[in-house]
Amino acid sequence: MADNEKPRSIQEYVPGKQVTMAHLIARPLEDLCKQLGVDNKGAIGIMTITPGEGTIIAADAASKAGDIKLEFVDRFTGCLVFSGQIAAVESALTGAVGALEQILGFTPTKVTKS
């Protein structure tokens, strides 16, 4: 490589089938809900999934597993946000992670809570 040439690298995005995050925020502050544009019914569930299209399937599984309101579904970034009562959000997270793992062979993650 000549002295005036910059090193060049090529990055490739090769998604695996995985749930990278499944988190429950219990009793979120009103300011957080307002900033996110989310109804505060007791809890917020957040998931990230690759590939992003899996988010559509996760949203379906979550809504069937718990009485939740889907707040945001992005099939491009793999982000899923929903709200509801704490128990419903926890059931929805567990149901979505389980469905992706059992039906589609996704690598699951632990459902976390704060």
PDB file of N, CA and C in Angstrom:
ATOM      1  N   MET A   1       0.856  -1.165   0.000  1.00  0.00           N
ATOM      2  CA  MET A   1       0.000   0.000   0.000  1.00  0.00           C
ATOM      3  C   MET A   1       0.908   1.235   0.000  1.00  0.00           C
ATOM      4  N   ALA A   2       0.580   2.186  -0.833  1.00  0.00           N
ATOM      5  CA  ALA A   2       1.353   3.417  -0.919  1.00  0.00           C
ATOM      6  C   ALA A   2       1.111   4.262   0.326  1.00  0.00           C
ATOM      7  N   ASP A   3       2.059   5.176   0.599  1.00  0.00           N
ATOM      8  CA  ASP A   3       1.968   6.021   1.785  1.00  0.00           C
ATOM      9  C   ASP A   3       0.719   6.898   1.807  1.00  0.00           C
ATOM     10  N   ASN A   4       0.214   7.304   0.675  1.00  0.00           N
ATOM     11  CA  ASN A   4      -0.927   8.209   0.650  1.00  0.00           C
ATOM     12  C   ASN A   4      -2.277   7.484   0.588  1.00  0.00           C
ATOM     13  N   GLU A   5      -2.268   6.163   0.544  1.00  0.00           N
ATOM     14  CA  GLU A   5      -3.521   5.402   0.508  1.00  0.00           C
ATOM     15  C   GLU A   5      -4.020   5.122   1.919  1.00  0.00           C
ATOM     16  N   LYS A   6      -5.311   5.266   2.097  1.00  0.00           N
ATOM     17  CA  LYS A   6      -5.926   4.959   3.395  1.00  0.00           C
ATOM     18  C   LYS A   6      -6.302   3.478   3.428  1.00  0.00           C
ATOM     19  N   PRO A   7      -6.142   2.841   4.579  1.00  0.00           N
ATOM     20  CA  PRO A   7      -6.582   1.443   4.667  1.00  0.00           C
ATOM     21  C   PRO A   7      -8.105   1.380   4.498  1.00  0.00           C
ATOM     22  N   ARG A   8      -8.542   0.354   3.871  1.00  0.00           N
ATOM     23  CA  ARG A   8      -9.952   0.207   3.583  1.00  0.00           C
ATOM     24  C   ARG A   8     -10.470  -1.081   4.207  1.00  0.00           C
ATOM     25  N   SER A   9     -11.621  -0.984   4.843  1.00  0.00           N
ATOM     26  CA  SER A   9     -12.225  -2.198   5.386  1.00  0.00           C
ATOM     27  C   SER A   9     -13.677  -2.273   4.920  1.00  0.00           C
ATOM     28  N   ILE A  10     -14.136  -3.474   4.758  1.00  0.00           N
ATOM     29  CA  ILE A  10     -15.506  -3.707   4.334  1.00  0.00           C
ATOM     30  C   ILE A  10     -16.215  -4.417   5.473  1.00  0.00           C
ATOM     31  N   GLN A  11     -17.368  -3.865   5.880  1.00  0.00           N
ATOM     32  CA  GLN A  11     -18.149  -4.479   6.939  1.00  0.00           C
ATOM     33  C   GLN A  11     -19.417  -5.053   6.337  1.00  0.00           C
ATOM     34  N   GLU A  12     -19.752  -6.228   6.807  1.00  0.00           N
ATOM     35  CA  GLU A  12     -20.942  -6.894   6.333  1.00  0.00           C
ATOM     36  C   GLU A  12     -21.834  -7.192   7.513  1.00  0.00           C
ATOM     37  N   TYR A  13     -23.143  -6.997   7.358  1.00  0.00           N
ATOM     38  CA  TYR A  13     -24.098  -7.327   8.398  1.00  0.00           C
ATOM     39  C   TYR A  13     -24.687  -8.691   8.085  1.00  0.00           C
ATOM     40  N   VAL A  14     -24.373  -9.664   8.906  1.00  0.00           N
ATOM     41  CA  VAL A  14     -24.888 -11.010   8.730  1.00  0.00           C
ATOM     42  C   VAL A  14     -25.665 -11.367   9.987  1.00  0.00           C
ATOM     43  N   PRO A  15     -26.973 -11.143   9.955  1.00  0.00           N
ATOM     44  CA  PRO A  15     -27.738 -11.375  11.178  1.00  0.00           C
ATOM     45  C   PRO A  15     -27.921 -12.849  11.480  1.00  0.00           C
ATOM     46  N   GLY A  16     -27.869 -13.156  12.754  1.00  0.00           N
ATOM     47  CA  GLY A  16     -28.237 -14.482  13.203  1.00  0.00           C
ATOM     48  C   GLY A  16     -29.692 -14.424  13.623  1.00  0.00           C
ATOM     49  N   LYS A  17     -30.265 -15.561  13.880  1.00  0.00           N
ATOM     50  CA  LYS A  17     -31.636 -15.586  14.367  1.00  0.00           C
ATOM     51  C   LYS A  17     -31.571 -15.542  15.883  1.00  0.00           C
ATOM     52  N   GLN A  18     -31.763 -14.340  16.431  1.00  0.00           N
ATOM     53  CA  GLN A  18     -31.662 -14.232  17.883  1.00  0.00           C
ATOM     54  C   GLN A  18     -32.490 -13.090  18.450  1.00  0.00           C
ATOM     55  N   VAL A  19     -32.892 -13.295  19.691  1.00  0.00           N
ATOM     56  CA  VAL A  19     -33.507 -12.234  20.478  1.00  0.00           C
ATOM     57  C   VAL A  19     -32.360 -11.640  21.278  1.00  0.00           C
ATOM     58  N   THR A  20     -32.017 -10.385  21.000  1.00  0.00           N
ATOM     59  CA  THR A  20     -30.851  -9.795  21.669  1.00  0.00           C
ATOM     60  C   THR A  20     -31.209  -9.113  22.981  1.00  0.00           C
ATOM     61  N   MET A  21     -32.476  -8.715  23.138  1.00  0.00           N
ATOM     62  CA  MET A  21     -32.896  -8.098  24.393  1.00  0.00           C
ATOM     63  C   MET A  21     -34.392  -8.298  24.572  1.00  0.00           C
ATOM     64  N   ALA A  22     -34.806  -8.581  25.797  1.00  0.00           N
ATOM     65  CA  ALA A  22     -36.217  -8.659  26.180  1.00  0.00           C
ATOM     66  C   ALA A  22     -36.285  -8.111  27.603  1.00  0.00           C
ATOM     67  N   HIS A  23     -36.730  -6.866  27.728  1.00  0.00           N
ATOM     68  CA  HIS A  23     -36.661  -6.191  29.033  1.00  0.00           C
ATOM     69  C   HIS A  23     -38.009  -5.593  29.411  1.00  0.00           C
ATOM     70  N   LEU A  24     -38.329  -5.698  30.685  1.00  0.00           N
ATOM     71  CA  LEU A  24     -39.545  -5.129  31.247  1.00  0.00           C
ATOM     72  C   LEU A  24     -39.169  -3.955  32.139  1.00  0.00           C
ATOM     73  N   ILE A  25     -39.761  -2.804  31.875  1.00  0.00           N
ATOM     74  CA  ILE A  25     -39.596  -1.641  32.744  1.00  0.00           C
ATOM     75  C   ILE A  25     -40.878  -1.524  33.558  1.00  0.00           C
ATOM     76  N   ALA A  26     -40.783  -1.848  34.844  1.00  0.00           N
ATOM     77  CA  ALA A  26     -41.950  -1.784  35.720  1.00  0.00           C
ATOM     78  C   ALA A  26     -42.111  -0.365  36.267  1.00  0.00           C
ATOM     79  N   ARG A  27     -43.336   0.076  36.302  1.00  0.00           N
ATOM     80  CA  ARG A  27     -43.679   1.397  36.829  1.00  0.00           C
ATOM     81  C   ARG A  27     -42.777   2.508  36.265  1.00  0.00           C
ATOM     82  N   PRO A  28     -42.764   2.671  34.942  1.00  0.00           N
ATOM     83  CA  PRO A  28     -41.909   3.711  34.361  1.00  0.00           C
ATOM     84  C   PRO A  28     -42.372   5.110  34.767  1.00  0.00           C
ATOM     85  N   LEU A  29     -41.427   6.002  34.856  1.00  0.00           N
ATOM     86  CA  LEU A  29     -41.761   7.391  35.186  1.00  0.00           C
ATOM     87  C   LEU A  29     -42.580   8.002  34.060  1.00  0.00           C
ATOM     88  N   GLU A  30     -43.477   8.891  34.418  1.00  0.00           N
ATOM     89  CA  GLU A  30     -44.352   9.538  33.437  1.00  0.00           C
ATOM     90  C   GLU A  30     -43.545  10.259  32.360  1.00  0.00           C
ATOM     91  N   ASP A  31     -42.429  10.889  32.755  1.00  0.00           N
ATOM     92  CA  ASP A  31     -41.588  11.595  31.771  1.00  0.00           C
ATOM     93  C   ASP A  31     -41.064  10.645  30.692  1.00  0.00           C
ATOM     94  N   LEU A  32     -40.659   9.452  31.093  1.00  0.00           N
ATOM     95  CA  LEU A  32     -40.169   8.473  30.128  1.00  0.00           C
ATOM     96  C   LEU A  32     -41.285   8.082  29.160  1.00  0.00           C
ATOM     97  N   CYS A  33     -42.453   7.816  29.714  1.00  0.00           N
ATOM     98  CA  CYS A  33     -43.598   7.448  28.869  1.00  0.00           C
ATOM     99  C   CYS A  33     -43.938   8.567  27.896  1.00  0.00           C
ATOM    100  N   LYS A  34     -43.910   9.786  28.385  1.00  0.00           N
ATOM    101  CA  LYS A  34     -44.222  10.950  27.542  1.00  0.00           C
ATOM    102  C   LYS A  34     -43.210  11.075  26.404  1.00  0.00           C
ATOM    103  N   GLN A  35     -41.925  10.920  26.726  1.00  0.00           N
ATOM    104  CA  GLN A  35     -40.877  11.022  25.706  1.00  0.00           C
ATOM    105  C   GLN A  35     -40.999   9.928  24.651  1.00  0.00           C
ATOM    106  N   LEU A  36     -41.409   8.743  25.078  1.00  0.00           N
ATOM    107  CA  LEU A  36     -41.553   7.621  24.155  1.00  0.00           C
ATOM    108  C   LEU A  36     -42.904   7.630  23.434  1.00  0.00           C
ATOM    109  N   GLY A  37     -43.848   8.420  23.949  1.00  0.00           N
ATOM    110  CA  GLY A  37     -45.187   8.415  23.377  1.00  0.00           C
ATOM    111  C   GLY A  37     -45.928   7.129  23.696  1.00  0.00           C
ATOM    112  N   VAL A  38     -45.689   6.610  24.903  1.00  0.00           N
ATOM    113  CA  VAL A  38     -46.234   5.328  25.330  1.00  0.00           C
ATOM    114  C   VAL A  38     -47.264   5.548  26.435  1.00  0.00           C
ATOM    115  N   ASP A  39     -48.378   4.805  26.367  1.00  0.00           N
ATOM    116  CA  ASP A  39     -49.346   4.836  27.467  1.00  0.00           C
ATOM    117  C   ASP A  39     -48.716   4.192  28.694  1.00  0.00           C
ATOM    118  N   ASN A  40     -48.935   4.807  29.858  1.00  0.00           N
ATOM    119  CA  ASN A  40     -48.389   4.240  31.089  1.00  0.00           C
ATOM    120  C   ASN A  40     -49.481   3.438  31.778  1.00  0.00           C
ATOM    121  N   LYS A  41     -49.433   2.140  31.596  1.00  0.00           N
ATOM    122  CA  LYS A  41     -50.409   1.257  32.227  1.00  0.00           C
ATOM    123  C   LYS A  41     -49.756   0.387  33.291  1.00  0.00           C
ATOM    124  N   GLY A  42     -48.520   0.675  33.613  1.00  0.00           N
ATOM    125  CA  GLY A  42     -47.831  -0.102  34.626  1.00  0.00           C
ATOM    126  C   GLY A  42     -46.473  -0.607  34.203  1.00  0.00           C
ATOM    127  N   ALA A  43     -46.317  -0.915  32.895  1.00  0.00           N
ATOM    128  CA  ALA A  43     -45.037  -1.456  32.448  1.00  0.00           C
ATOM    129  C   ALA A  43     -44.844  -1.238  30.952  1.00  0.00           C
ATOM    130  N   ILE A  44     -43.572  -1.241  30.570  1.00  0.00           N
ATOM    131  CA  ILE A  44     -43.182  -1.164  29.163  1.00  0.00           C
ATOM    132  C   ILE A  44     -42.319  -2.389  28.873  1.00  0.00           C
ATOM    133  N   GLY A  45     -42.583  -3.043  27.763  1.00  0.00           N
ATOM    134  CA  GLY A  45     -41.763  -4.159  27.303  1.00  0.00           C
ATOM    135  C   GLY A  45     -40.976  -3.729  26.084  1.00  0.00           C
ATOM    136  N   ILE A  46     -39.690  -4.060  26.066  1.00  0.00           N
ATOM    137  CA  ILE A  46     -38.817  -3.695  24.953  1.00  0.00           C
ATOM    138  C   ILE A  46     -38.085  -4.946  24.483  1.00  0.00           C
ATOM    139  N   MET A  47     -38.087  -5.152  23.166  1.00  0.00           N
ATOM    140  CA  MET A  47     -37.355  -6.276  22.589  1.00  0.00           C
ATOM    141  C   MET A  47     -36.562  -5.797  21.386  1.00  0.00           C
ATOM    142  N   THR A  48     -35.415  -6.427  21.161  1.00  0.00           N
ATOM    143  CA  THR A  48     -34.686  -6.260  19.903  1.00  0.00           C
ATOM    144  C   THR A  48     -34.416  -7.656  19.356  1.00  0.00           C
ATOM    145  N   ILE A  49     -34.605  -7.765  18.044  1.00  0.00           N
ATOM    146  CA  ILE A  49     -34.596  -9.067  17.383  1.00  0.00           C
ATOM    147  C   ILE A  49     -33.856  -8.963  16.062  1.00  0.00           C
ATOM    148  N   THR A  50     -33.047  -9.981  15.743  1.00  0.00           N
ATOM    149  CA  THR A  50     -32.439 -10.056  14.413  1.00  0.00           C
ATOM    150  C   THR A  50     -32.757 -11.427  13.829  1.00  0.00           C
ATOM    151  N   PRO A  51     -33.105 -11.476  12.579  1.00  0.00           N
ATOM    152  CA  PRO A  51     -33.311 -10.368  11.663  1.00  0.00           C
ATOM    153  C   PRO A  51     -34.572  -9.583  12.033  1.00  0.00           C
ATOM    154  N   GLY A  52     -34.617  -8.348  11.581  1.00  0.00           N
ATOM    155  CA  GLY A  52     -35.685  -7.431  11.948  1.00  0.00           C
ATOM    156  C   GLY A  52     -37.080  -7.915  11.617  1.00  0.00           C
ATOM    157  N   GLU A  53     -37.207  -8.717  10.571  1.00  0.00           N
ATOM    158  CA  GLU A  53     -38.534  -9.228  10.197  1.00  0.00           C
ATOM    159  C   GLU A  53     -39.134 -10.105  11.293  1.00  0.00           C
ATOM    160  N   GLY A  54     -38.275 -10.661  12.134  1.00  0.00           N
ATOM    161  CA  GLY A  54     -38.751 -11.463  13.262  1.00  0.00           C
ATOM    162  C   GLY A  54     -39.573 -10.654  14.240  1.00  0.00           C
ATOM    163  N   THR A  55     -39.436  -9.333  14.183  1.00  0.00           N
ATOM    164  CA  THR A  55     -40.190  -8.451  15.060  1.00  0.00           C
ATOM    165  C   THR A  55     -41.689  -8.569  14.800  1.00  0.00           C
ATOM    166  N   ILE A  56     -42.058  -8.776  13.567  1.00  0.00           N
ATOM    167  CA  ILE A  56     -43.478  -8.925  13.224  1.00  0.00           C
ATOM    168  C   ILE A  56     -44.039 -10.173  13.906  1.00  0.00           C
ATOM    169  N   ILE A  57     -43.295 -11.257  13.853  1.00  0.00           N
ATOM    170  CA  ILE A  57     -43.724 -12.503  14.479  1.00  0.00           C
ATOM    171  C   ILE A  57     -43.736 -12.348  15.996  1.00  0.00           C
ATOM    172  N   ALA A  58     -42.725 -11.668  16.544  1.00  0.00           N
ATOM    173  CA  ALA A  58     -42.675 -11.435  17.990  1.00  0.00           C
ATOM    174  C   ALA A  58     -43.852 -10.580  18.445  1.00  0.00           C
ATOM    175  N   ALA A  59     -44.224  -9.577  17.663  1.00  0.00           N
ATOM    176  CA  ALA A  59     -45.368  -8.721  18.013  1.00  0.00           C
ATOM    177  C   ALA A  59     -46.653  -9.544  18.060  1.00  0.00           C
ATOM    178  N   ASP A  60     -46.806 -10.442  17.106  1.00  0.00           N
ATOM    179  CA  ASP A  60     -47.983 -11.305  17.084  1.00  0.00           C
ATOM    180  C   ASP A  60     -47.995 -12.219  18.307  1.00  0.00           C
ATOM    181  N   ALA A  61     -46.863 -12.856  18.587  1.00  0.00           N
ATOM    182  CA  ALA A  61     -46.785 -13.774  19.728  1.00  0.00           C
ATOM    183  C   ALA A  61     -46.991 -13.030  21.050  1.00  0.00           C
ATOM    184  N   ALA A  62     -46.403 -11.853  21.176  1.00  0.00           N
ATOM    185  CA  ALA A  62     -46.548 -11.060  22.406  1.00  0.00           C
ATOM    186  C   ALA A  62     -47.999 -10.668  22.625  1.00  0.00           C
ATOM    187  N   SER A  63     -48.667 -10.228  21.564  1.00  0.00           N
ATOM    188  CA  SER A  63     -50.053  -9.777  21.713  1.00  0.00           C
ATOM    189  C   SER A  63     -51.000 -10.933  22.019  1.00  0.00           C
ATOM    190  N   LYS A  64     -50.629 -12.150  21.644  1.00  0.00           N
ATOM    191  CA  LYS A  64     -51.440 -13.320  21.968  1.00  0.00           C
ATOM    192  C   LYS A  64     -51.138 -13.853  23.371  1.00  0.00           C
ATOM    193  N   ALA A  65     -49.961 -13.542  23.908  1.00  0.00           N
ATOM    194  CA  ALA A  65     -49.541 -14.059  25.215  1.00  0.00           C
ATOM    195  C   ALA A  65     -49.935 -13.152  26.374  1.00  0.00           C
ATOM    196  N   GLY A  66     -50.235 -11.892  26.103  1.00  0.00           N
ATOM    197  CA  GLY A  66     -50.579 -10.964  27.175  1.00  0.00           C
ATOM    198  C   GLY A  66     -51.466  -9.849  26.664  1.00  0.00           C
ATOM    199  N   ASP A  67     -52.247  -9.267  27.560  1.00  0.00           N
ATOM    200  CA  ASP A  67     -53.140  -8.156  27.214  1.00  0.00           C
ATOM    201  C   ASP A  67     -52.319  -6.868  27.165  1.00  0.00           C
ATOM    202  N   ILE A  68     -51.703  -6.623  26.011  1.00  0.00           N
ATOM    203  CA  ILE A  68     -50.787  -5.495  25.847  1.00  0.00           C
ATOM    204  C   ILE A  68     -51.250  -4.588  24.712  1.00  0.00           C
ATOM    205  N   LYS A  69     -50.665  -3.407  24.669  1.00  0.00           N
ATOM    206  CA  LYS A  69     -50.870  -2.491  23.552  1.00  0.00           C
ATOM    207  C   LYS A  69     -49.545  -2.389  22.811  1.00  0.00           C
ATOM    208  N   LEU A  70     -49.549  -2.736  21.522  1.00  0.00           N
ATOM    209  CA  LEU A  70     -48.341  -2.575  20.717  1.00  0.00           C
ATOM    210  C   LEU A  70     -48.117  -1.085  20.501  1.00  0.00           C
ATOM    211  N   GLU A  71     -46.950  -0.601  20.875  1.00  0.00           N
ATOM    212  CA  GLU A  71     -46.634   0.818  20.773  1.00  0.00           C
ATOM    213  C   GLU A  71     -45.757   1.121  19.564  1.00  0.00           C
ATOM    214  N   PHE A  72     -44.834   0.199  19.251  1.00  0.00           N
ATOM    215  CA  PHE A  72     -43.877   0.440  18.171  1.00  0.00           C
ATOM    216  C   PHE A  72     -43.358  -0.891  17.656  1.00  0.00           C
ATOM    217  N   VAL A  73     -43.441  -1.097  16.356  1.00  0.00           N
ATOM    218  CA  VAL A  73     -42.916  -2.301  15.707  1.00  0.00           C
ATOM    219  C   VAL A  73     -42.095  -1.842  14.513  1.00  0.00           C
ATOM    220  N   ASP A  74     -40.793  -2.116  14.529  1.00  0.00           N
ATOM    221  CA  ASP A  74     -39.931  -1.700  13.425  1.00  0.00           C
ATOM    222  C   ASP A  74     -39.226  -2.914  12.839  1.00  0.00           C
ATOM    223  N   ARG A  75     -39.681  -3.337  11.671  1.00  0.00           N
ATOM    224  CA  ARG A  75     -39.108  -4.532  11.037  1.00  0.00           C
ATOM    225  C   ARG A  75     -37.738  -4.268  10.437  1.00  0.00           C
ATOM    226  N   PHE A  76     -37.319  -3.011  10.377  1.00  0.00           N
ATOM    227  CA  PHE A  76     -36.002  -2.688   9.824  1.00  0.00           C
ATOM    228  C   PHE A  76     -34.912  -2.754  10.902  1.00  0.00           C
ATOM    229  N   THR A  77     -35.218  -2.248  12.100  1.00  0.00           N
ATOM    230  CA  THR A  77     -34.226  -2.276  13.181  1.00  0.00           C
ATOM    231  C   THR A  77     -34.417  -3.448  14.130  1.00  0.00           C
ATOM    232  N   GLY A  78     -35.576  -4.091  14.072  1.00  0.00           N
ATOM    233  CA  GLY A  78     -35.851  -5.207  14.966  1.00  0.00           C
ATOM    234  C   GLY A  78     -36.304  -4.783  16.346  1.00  0.00           C
ATOM    235  N   CYS A  79     -36.832  -3.575  16.467  1.00  0.00           N
ATOM    236  CA  CYS A  79     -37.257  -3.041  17.764  1.00  0.00           C
ATOM    237  C   CYS A  79     -38.762  -3.225  17.945  1.00  0.00           C
ATOM    238  N   LEU A  80     -39.141  -3.690  19.118  1.00  0.00           N
ATOM    239  CA  LEU A  80     -40.540  -3.880  19.474  1.00  0.00           C
ATOM    240  C   LEU A  80     -40.761  -3.275  20.852  1.00  0.00           C
ATOM    241  N   VAL A  81     -41.789  -2.418  20.978  1.00  0.00           N
ATOM    242  CA  VAL A  81     -42.132  -1.794  22.256  1.00  0.00           C
ATOM    243  C   VAL A  81     -43.627  -1.971  22.474  1.00  0.00           C
ATOM    244  N   PHE A  82     -43.994  -2.381  23.687  1.00  0.00           N
ATOM    245  CA  PHE A  82     -45.410  -2.503  24.026  1.00  0.00           C
ATOM    246  C   PHE A  82     -45.617  -2.142  25.488  1.00  0.00           C
ATOM    247  N   SER A  83     -46.869  -1.899  25.850  1.00  0.00           N
ATOM    248  CA  SER A  83     -47.175  -1.493  27.222  1.00  0.00           C
ATOM    249  C   SER A  83     -48.370  -2.276  27.739  1.00  0.00           C
ATOM    250  N   GLY A  84     -48.536  -2.245  29.049  1.00  0.00           N
ATOM    251  CA  GLY A  84     -49.651  -2.923  29.698  1.00  0.00           C
ATOM    252  C   GLY A  84     -49.377  -3.068  31.177  1.00  0.00           C
ATOM    253  N   GLN A  85     -50.197  -3.838  31.836  1.00  0.00           N
ATOM    254  CA  GLN A  85     -49.970  -4.131  33.247  1.00  0.00           C
ATOM    255  C   GLN A  85     -48.705  -4.981  33.365  1.00  0.00           C
ATOM    256  N   ILE A  86     -48.055  -4.919  34.506  1.00  0.00           N
ATOM    257  CA  ILE A  86     -46.769  -5.612  34.685  1.00  0.00           C
ATOM    258  C   ILE A  86     -46.868  -7.101  34.335  1.00  0.00           C
ATOM    259  N   ALA A  87     -47.868  -7.795  34.862  1.00  0.00           N
ATOM    260  CA  ALA A  87     -48.004  -9.231  34.608  1.00  0.00           C
ATOM    261  C   ALA A  87     -48.239  -9.515  33.120  1.00  0.00           C
ATOM    262  N   ALA A  88     -49.025  -8.674  32.473  1.00  0.00           N
ATOM    263  CA  ALA A  88     -49.315  -8.868  31.046  1.00  0.00           C
ATOM    264  C   ALA A  88     -48.069  -8.648  30.198  1.00  0.00           C
ATOM    265  N   VAL A  89     -47.290  -7.636  30.534  1.00  0.00           N
ATOM    266  CA  VAL A  89     -46.066  -7.353  29.784  1.00  0.00           C
ATOM    267  C   VAL A  89     -45.056  -8.478  29.990  1.00  0.00           C
ATOM    268  N   GLU A  90     -44.950  -8.968  31.213  1.00  0.00           N
ATOM    269  CA  GLU A  90     -44.038 -10.083  31.481  1.00  0.00           C
ATOM    270  C   GLU A  90     -44.465 -11.339  30.707  1.00  0.00           C
ATOM    271  N   SER A  91     -45.761 -11.618  30.683  1.00  0.00           N
ATOM    272  CA  SER A  91     -46.270 -12.769  29.910  1.00  0.00           C
ATOM    273  C   SER A  91     -45.999 -12.592  28.422  1.00  0.00           C
ATOM    274  N   ALA A  92     -46.183 -11.368  27.930  1.00  0.00           N
ATOM    275  CA  ALA A  92     -45.962 -11.091  26.510  1.00  0.00           C
ATOM    276  C   ALA A  92     -44.492 -11.276  26.136  1.00  0.00           C
ATOM    277  N   LEU A  93     -43.584 -10.793  26.981  1.00  0.00           N
ATOM    278  CA  LEU A  93     -42.150 -10.957  26.714  1.00  0.00           C
ATOM    279  C   LEU A  93     -41.774 -12.434  26.706  1.00  0.00           C
ATOM    280  N   THR A  94     -42.214 -13.146  27.729  1.00  0.00           N
ATOM    281  CA  THR A  94     -41.907 -14.570  27.833  1.00  0.00           C
ATOM    282  C   THR A  94     -42.501 -15.348  26.658  1.00  0.00           C
ATOM    283  N   GLY A  95     -43.735 -15.013  26.301  1.00  0.00           N
ATOM    284  CA  GLY A  95     -44.396 -15.691  25.188  1.00  0.00           C
ATOM    285  C   GLY A  95     -43.717 -15.434  23.856  1.00  0.00           C
ATOM    286  N   ALA A  96     -43.307 -14.189  23.627  1.00  0.00           N
ATOM    287  CA  ALA A  96     -42.645 -13.841  22.367  1.00  0.00           C
ATOM    288  C   ALA A  96     -41.283 -14.516  22.253  1.00  0.00           C
ATOM    289  N   VAL A  97     -40.499 -14.458  23.330  1.00  0.00           N
ATOM    290  CA  VAL A  97     -39.181 -15.112  23.315  1.00  0.00           C
ATOM    291  C   VAL A  97     -39.349 -16.616  23.104  1.00  0.00           C
ATOM    292  N   GLY A  98     -40.294 -17.216  23.806  1.00  0.00           N
ATOM    293  CA  GLY A  98     -40.537 -18.647  23.678  1.00  0.00           C
ATOM    294  C   GLY A  98     -40.977 -19.053  22.286  1.00  0.00           C
ATOM    295  N   ALA A  99     -41.861 -18.273  21.694  1.00  0.00           N
ATOM    296  CA  ALA A  99     -42.343 -18.587  20.345  1.00  0.00           C
ATOM    297  C   ALA A  99     -41.216 -18.498  19.323  1.00  0.00           C
ATOM    298  N   LEU A 100     -40.410 -17.464  19.420  1.00  0.00           N
ATOM    299  CA  LEU A 100     -39.300 -17.328  18.475  1.00  0.00           C
ATOM    300  C   LEU A 100     -38.313 -18.487  18.625  1.00  0.00           C
ATOM    301  N   GLU A 101     -38.065 -18.893  19.865  1.00  0.00           N
ATOM    302  CA  GLU A 101     -37.133 -19.999  20.105  1.00  0.00           C
ATOM    303  C   GLU A 101     -37.711 -21.335  19.629  1.00  0.00           C
ATOM    304  N   GLN A 102     -38.934 -21.639  20.036  1.00  0.00           N
ATOM    305  CA  GLN A 102     -39.512 -22.956  19.771  1.00  0.00           C
ATOM    306  C   GLN A 102     -39.973 -23.140  18.332  1.00  0.00           C
ATOM    307  N   ILE A 103     -40.569 -22.109  17.756  1.00  0.00           N
ATOM    308  CA  ILE A 103     -41.129 -22.252  16.408  1.00  0.00           C
ATOM    309  C   ILE A 103     -40.084 -22.011  15.324  1.00  0.00           C
ATOM    310  N   LEU A 104     -39.243 -20.979  15.526  1.00  0.00           N
ATOM    311  CA  LEU A 104     -38.319 -20.576  14.468  1.00  0.00           C
ATOM    312  C   LEU A 104     -36.853 -20.886  14.755  1.00  0.00           C
ATOM    313  N   GLY A 105     -36.562 -21.433  15.931  1.00  0.00           N
ATOM    314  CA  GLY A 105     -35.187 -21.799  16.244  1.00  0.00           C
ATOM    315  C   GLY A 105     -34.281 -20.626  16.555  1.00  0.00           C
ATOM    316  N   PHE A 106     -34.863 -19.512  17.028  1.00  0.00           N
ATOM    317  CA  PHE A 106     -34.053 -18.349  17.405  1.00  0.00           C
ATOM    318  C   PHE A 106     -33.275 -18.651  18.681  1.00  0.00           C
ATOM    319  N   THR A 107     -32.128 -18.020  18.842  1.00  0.00           N
ATOM    320  CA  THR A 107     -31.394 -18.090  20.098  1.00  0.00           C
ATOM    321  C   THR A 107     -32.069 -17.105  21.045  1.00  0.00           C
ATOM    322  N   PRO A 108     -32.542 -17.573  22.199  1.00  0.00           N
ATOM    323  CA  PRO A 108     -33.273 -16.696  23.111  1.00  0.00           C
ATOM    324  C   PRO A 108     -32.345 -15.886  24.001  1.00  0.00           C
ATOM    325  N   THR A 109     -32.934 -14.976  24.726  1.00  0.00           N
ATOM    326  CA  THR A 109     -32.241 -14.243  25.772  1.00  0.00           C
ATOM    327  C   THR A 109     -33.084 -14.322  27.030  1.00  0.00           C
ATOM    328  N   LYS A 110     -32.488 -14.007  28.139  1.00  0.00           N
ATOM    329  CA  LYS A 110     -33.209 -13.978  29.404  1.00  0.00           C
ATOM    330  C   LYS A 110     -34.087 -12.729  29.439  1.00  0.00           C
ATOM    331  N   VAL A 111     -35.308 -12.862  29.926  1.00  0.00           N
ATOM    332  CA  VAL A 111     -36.181 -11.701  30.122  1.00  0.00           C
ATOM    333  C   VAL A 111     -35.698 -11.000  31.384  1.00  0.00           C
ATOM    334  N   THR A 112     -35.317  -9.724  31.237  1.00  0.00           N
ATOM    335  CA  THR A 112     -34.819  -8.957  32.375  1.00  0.00           C
ATOM    336  C   THR A 112     -35.868  -7.934  32.809  1.00  0.00           C
ATOM    337  N   LYS A 113     -35.667  -7.369  34.000  1.00  0.00           N
ATOM    338  CA  LYS A 113     -36.676  -6.481  34.583  1.00  0.00           C
ATOM    339  C   LYS A 113     -36.012  -5.393  35.423  1.00  0.00           C
ATOM    340  N   SER A 114     -36.527  -4.177  35.294  1.00  0.00           N
ATOM    341  CA  SER A 114     -36.048  -3.100  36.175  1.00  0.00           C
ATOM    342  C   SER A 114     -37.219  -2.277  36.661  1.00  0.00           C
TER     343      SER A 114
END
